[in-house]
Amino acid sequence: MNLVADTSAWIEFVRGTGSRIDQSMAFVIDNHRVLLPDLVYHEVLRGMPSEIEARKMILRFKPFVDFQLCNMFIAEKAAAHYRFLRSKGITVRGTVDLLIATWCIENDVPLLHSDRDYVGFEEHLGLKCWALGM
């Protein structure tokens, strides 16, 4: 099964927090095809504390399937999702989260995350979020 891991899940995994998300990441890496959106790649690398750590992370990302997250279709759908969620009183804080959720919805790919911004997508727009044992 294909799965997208959000930046929040990668951060938990890289830090080795021992959280449910960290453990889920370890499981999905071993048992599923993890897709790596370009913007998630950017966000994780941006957060590395040094060039040495960034280079290590680049090597660590090599086995994953990378892809370009956004195009005009996804951008338009993400903007519509933002307006829809705002009409429900939900404000998504980040553009990248909007794009990731929209891509996952449009491509019927589950998302692994630890970010509250995705809850509205799950409740109102049909985003599938990965759960251990899925």
C-alpha atoms as a PDB file:
ATOM      1  CA  MET A   1       0.000   0.000   0.000  1.00  0.00           C
ATOM      2  CA  ASN A   2       1.144   3.539  -0.750  1.00  0.00           C
ATOM      3  CA  LEU A   3       1.243   6.036   2.094  1.00  0.00           C
ATOM      4  CA  VAL A   4       2.339   9.665   2.540  1.00  0.00           C
ATOM      5  CA  ALA A   5       4.089  10.668   5.755  1.00  0.00           C
ATOM      6  CA  ASP A   6       3.714  14.309   6.729  1.00  0.00           C
ATOM      7  CA  THR A   7       6.618  16.377   8.019  1.00  0.00           C
ATOM      8  CA  SER A   8       5.248  15.990  11.556  1.00  0.00           C
ATOM      9  CA  ALA A   9       5.573  12.187  11.316  1.00  0.00           C
ATOM     10  CA  TRP A  10       9.096  12.378   9.884  1.00  0.00           C
ATOM     11  CA  ILE A  11      10.177  14.701  12.695  1.00  0.00           C
ATOM     12  CA  GLU A  12       8.873  12.294  15.347  1.00  0.00           C
ATOM     13  CA  PHE A  13      10.664   9.430  13.602  1.00  0.00           C
ATOM     14  CA  VAL A  14      13.985  11.254  13.111  1.00  0.00           C
ATOM     15  CA  ARG A  15      13.990  12.401  16.736  1.00  0.00           C
ATOM     16  CA  GLY A  16      13.144   8.881  17.913  1.00  0.00           C
ATOM     17  CA  THR A  17      10.481  10.131  20.290  1.00  0.00           C
ATOM     18  CA  GLY A  18       9.036   6.684  20.976  1.00  0.00           C
ATOM     19  CA  SER A  19       5.561   8.110  20.353  1.00  0.00           C
ATOM     20  CA  ARG A  20       2.785   6.239  18.575  1.00  0.00           C
ATOM     21  CA  ILE A  21       3.623   8.189  15.398  1.00  0.00           C
ATOM     22  CA  ASP A  22       7.335   7.338  15.690  1.00  0.00           C
ATOM     23  CA  GLN A  23       6.472   3.648  16.079  1.00  0.00           C
ATOM     24  CA  SER A  24       3.990   3.848  13.202  1.00  0.00           C
ATOM     25  CA  MET A  25       6.667   5.376  10.956  1.00  0.00           C
ATOM     26  CA  ALA A  26       9.042   2.527  11.728  1.00  0.00           C
ATOM     27  CA  PHE A  27       6.290   0.055  10.861  1.00  0.00           C
ATOM     28  CA  VAL A  28       5.213   1.701   7.594  1.00  0.00           C
ATOM     29  CA  ILE A  29       8.796   2.119   6.388  1.00  0.00           C
ATOM     30  CA  ASP A  30       9.285  -1.633   6.785  1.00  0.00           C
ATOM     31  CA  ASN A  31       5.896  -2.717   5.445  1.00  0.00           C
ATOM     32  CA  HIS A  32       4.557  -0.168   2.957  1.00  0.00           C
ATOM     33  CA  ARG A  33       5.579   2.055   0.058  1.00  0.00           C
ATOM     34  CA  VAL A  34       6.246   5.481   1.575  1.00  0.00           C
ATOM     35  CA  LEU A  35       5.767   8.387  -0.823  1.00  0.00           C
ATOM     36  CA  LEU A  36       7.888  11.476  -0.184  1.00  0.00           C
ATOM     37  CA  PRO A  37       6.370  14.759  -1.425  1.00  0.00           C
ATOM     38  CA  ASP A  38       8.903  17.378  -2.464  1.00  0.00           C
ATOM     39  CA  LEU A  39       7.539  19.907   0.034  1.00  0.00           C
ATOM     40  CA  VAL A  40       7.830  17.443   2.939  1.00  0.00           C
ATOM     41  CA  TYR A  41      11.403  16.739   1.828  1.00  0.00           C
ATOM     42  CA  HIS A  42      12.067  20.483   1.897  1.00  0.00           C
ATOM     43  CA  GLU A  43      10.482  21.015   5.324  1.00  0.00           C
ATOM     44  CA  VAL A  44      12.418  18.176   6.956  1.00  0.00           C
ATOM     45  CA  LEU A  45      15.737  19.260   5.427  1.00  0.00           C
ATOM     46  CA  ARG A  46      15.061  22.878   6.376  1.00  0.00           C
ATOM     47  CA  GLY A  47      14.797  21.801  10.004  1.00  0.00           C
ATOM     48  CA  MET A  48      18.117  19.975  10.136  1.00  0.00           C
ATOM     49  CA  PRO A  49      20.493  21.742  12.561  1.00  0.00           C
ATOM     50  CA  SER A  50      23.595  21.502  10.349  1.00  0.00           C
ATOM     51  CA  GLU A  51      24.794  20.679   6.848  1.00  0.00           C
ATOM     52  CA  ILE A  52      26.169  17.391   8.135  1.00  0.00           C
ATOM     53  CA  GLU A  53      22.762  16.386   9.543  1.00  0.00           C
ATOM     54  CA  ALA A  54      21.046  17.533   6.332  1.00  0.00           C
ATOM     55  CA  ARG A  55      23.390  15.369   4.214  1.00  0.00           C
ATOM     56  CA  LYS A  56      22.664  12.372   6.446  1.00  0.00           C
ATOM     57  CA  MET A  57      18.933  12.974   6.030  1.00  0.00           C
ATOM     58  CA  ILE A  58      19.256  13.253   2.248  1.00  0.00           C
ATOM     59  CA  LEU A  59      20.867   9.804   2.221  1.00  0.00           C
ATOM     60  CA  ARG A  60      18.195   8.472   4.568  1.00  0.00           C
ATOM     61  CA  PHE A  61      15.475   9.675   2.173  1.00  0.00           C
ATOM     62  CA  LYS A  62      16.977   7.899  -0.887  1.00  0.00           C
ATOM     63  CA  PRO A  63      14.832   4.721  -0.632  1.00  0.00           C
ATOM     64  CA  PHE A  64      11.525   6.594  -0.698  1.00  0.00           C
ATOM     65  CA  VAL A  65       9.431   7.417  -3.744  1.00  0.00           C
ATOM     66  CA  ASP A  66       9.672  11.156  -4.345  1.00  0.00           C
ATOM     67  CA  PHE A  67       7.153  13.213  -6.287  1.00  0.00           C
ATOM     68  CA  GLN A  68       6.089  16.754  -7.031  1.00  0.00           C
ATOM     69  CA  LEU A  69       3.163  17.576  -4.783  1.00  0.00           C
ATOM     70  CA  CYS A  70       1.561  20.584  -6.414  1.00  0.00           C
ATOM     71  CA  ASN A  71       0.228  21.475  -9.831  1.00  0.00           C
ATOM     72  CA  MET A  72      -2.543  23.836 -10.914  1.00  0.00           C
ATOM     73  CA  PHE A  73      -5.284  21.250 -10.257  1.00  0.00           C
ATOM     74  CA  ILE A  74      -4.074  20.528  -6.695  1.00  0.00           C
ATOM     75  CA  ALA A  75      -3.551  24.266  -6.032  1.00  0.00           C
ATOM     76  CA  GLU A  76      -7.132  25.021  -7.093  1.00  0.00           C
ATOM     77  CA  LYS A  77      -8.601  22.141  -5.078  1.00  0.00           C
ATOM     78  CA  ALA A  78      -6.542  23.097  -2.012  1.00  0.00           C
ATOM     79  CA  ALA A  79      -7.832  26.675  -2.177  1.00  0.00           C
ATOM     80  CA  ALA A  80     -11.404  25.359  -2.421  1.00  0.00           C
ATOM     81  CA  HIS A  81     -10.752  23.071   0.567  1.00  0.00           C
ATOM     82  CA  TYR A  82      -9.415  26.027   2.535  1.00  0.00           C
ATOM     83  CA  ARG A  83     -12.533  28.097   1.812  1.00  0.00           C
ATOM     84  CA  PHE A  84     -14.805  25.170   2.643  1.00  0.00           C
ATOM     85  CA  LEU A  85     -13.080  24.493   5.963  1.00  0.00           C
ATOM     86  CA  ARG A  86     -13.147  28.219   6.826  1.00  0.00           C
ATOM     87  CA  SER A  87     -16.907  28.142   6.257  1.00  0.00           C
ATOM     88  CA  LYS A  88     -16.996  25.417   8.939  1.00  0.00           C
ATOM     89  CA  GLY A  89     -14.949  27.584  11.327  1.00  0.00           C
ATOM     90  CA  ILE A  90     -11.723  25.633  10.752  1.00  0.00           C
ATOM     91  CA  THR A  91      -8.543  27.475   9.806  1.00  0.00           C
ATOM     92  CA  VAL A  92      -5.708  25.418   8.353  1.00  0.00           C
ATOM     93  CA  ARG A  93      -2.499  27.136   9.433  1.00  0.00           C
ATOM     94  CA  GLY A  94      -0.152  26.066   6.642  1.00  0.00           C
ATOM     95  CA  THR A  95      -0.245  26.031   2.871  1.00  0.00           C
ATOM     96  CA  VAL A  96       1.888  22.899   2.729  1.00  0.00           C
ATOM     97  CA  ASP A  97      -0.641  21.040   4.907  1.00  0.00           C
ATOM     98  CA  LEU A  98      -3.425  22.134   2.568  1.00  0.00           C
ATOM     99  CA  LEU A  99      -1.530  20.827  -0.437  1.00  0.00           C
ATOM    100  CA  ILE A 100      -0.579  17.523   1.201  1.00  0.00           C
ATOM    101  CA  ALA A 101      -4.117  16.803   2.388  1.00  0.00           C
ATOM    102  CA  THR A 102      -5.590  17.722  -0.984  1.00  0.00           C
ATOM    103  CA  TRP A 103      -3.125  15.547  -2.889  1.00  0.00           C
ATOM    104  CA  CYS A 104      -3.882  12.610  -0.573  1.00  0.00           C
ATOM    105  CA  ILE A 105      -7.646  13.084  -0.971  1.00  0.00           C
ATOM    106  CA  GLU A 106      -7.421  13.356  -4.762  1.00  0.00           C
ATOM    107  CA  ASN A 107      -5.153  10.311  -5.053  1.00  0.00           C
ATOM    108  CA  ASP A 108      -6.879   8.225  -2.348  1.00  0.00           C
ATOM    109  CA  VAL A 109      -3.625   7.773  -0.428  1.00  0.00           C
ATOM    110  CA  PRO A 110      -3.618   7.604   3.389  1.00  0.00           C
ATOM    111  CA  LEU A 111      -1.624  10.156   5.367  1.00  0.00           C
ATOM    112  CA  LEU A 112       0.420   9.496   8.500  1.00  0.00           C
ATOM    113  CA  HIS A 113       0.741  12.619  10.646  1.00  0.00           C
ATOM    114  CA  SER A 114       0.694  14.155  14.118  1.00  0.00           C
ATOM    115  CA  ASP A 115      -0.672  17.552  13.068  1.00  0.00           C
ATOM    116  CA  ARG A 116      -4.028  18.949  14.196  1.00  0.00           C
ATOM    117  CA  ASP A 117      -4.455  20.816  10.892  1.00  0.00           C
ATOM    118  CA  TYR A 118      -5.511  17.560   9.224  1.00  0.00           C
ATOM    119  CA  VAL A 119      -8.470  16.854  11.540  1.00  0.00           C
ATOM    120  CA  GLY A 120     -10.859  19.053   9.523  1.00  0.00           C
ATOM    121  CA  PHE A 121      -9.832  17.275   6.331  1.00  0.00           C
ATOM    122  CA  GLU A 122     -10.629  13.934   7.963  1.00  0.00           C
ATOM    123  CA  GLU A 123     -13.976  15.050   9.376  1.00  0.00           C
ATOM    124  CA  HIS A 124     -15.287  17.042   6.412  1.00  0.00           C
ATOM    125  CA  LEU A 125     -13.387  16.107   3.248  1.00  0.00           C
ATOM    126  CA  GLY A 126     -12.714  12.384   3.496  1.00  0.00           C
ATOM    127  CA  LEU A 127      -8.951  12.420   4.124  1.00  0.00           C
ATOM    128  CA  LYS A 128      -7.844   8.913   5.079  1.00  0.00           C
ATOM    129  CA  CYS A 129      -5.301   8.897   7.854  1.00  0.00           C
ATOM    130  CA  TRP A 130      -3.145   5.884   8.482  1.00  0.00           C
ATOM    131  CA  ALA A 131      -3.633   3.962  11.688  1.00  0.00           C
ATOM    132  CA  LEU A 132      -1.352   1.234  13.018  1.00  0.00           C
ATOM    133  CA  GLY A 133      -2.528  -2.101  11.641  1.00  0.00           C
ATOM    134  CA  MET A 134      -4.061  -0.621   8.494  1.00  0.00           C
END
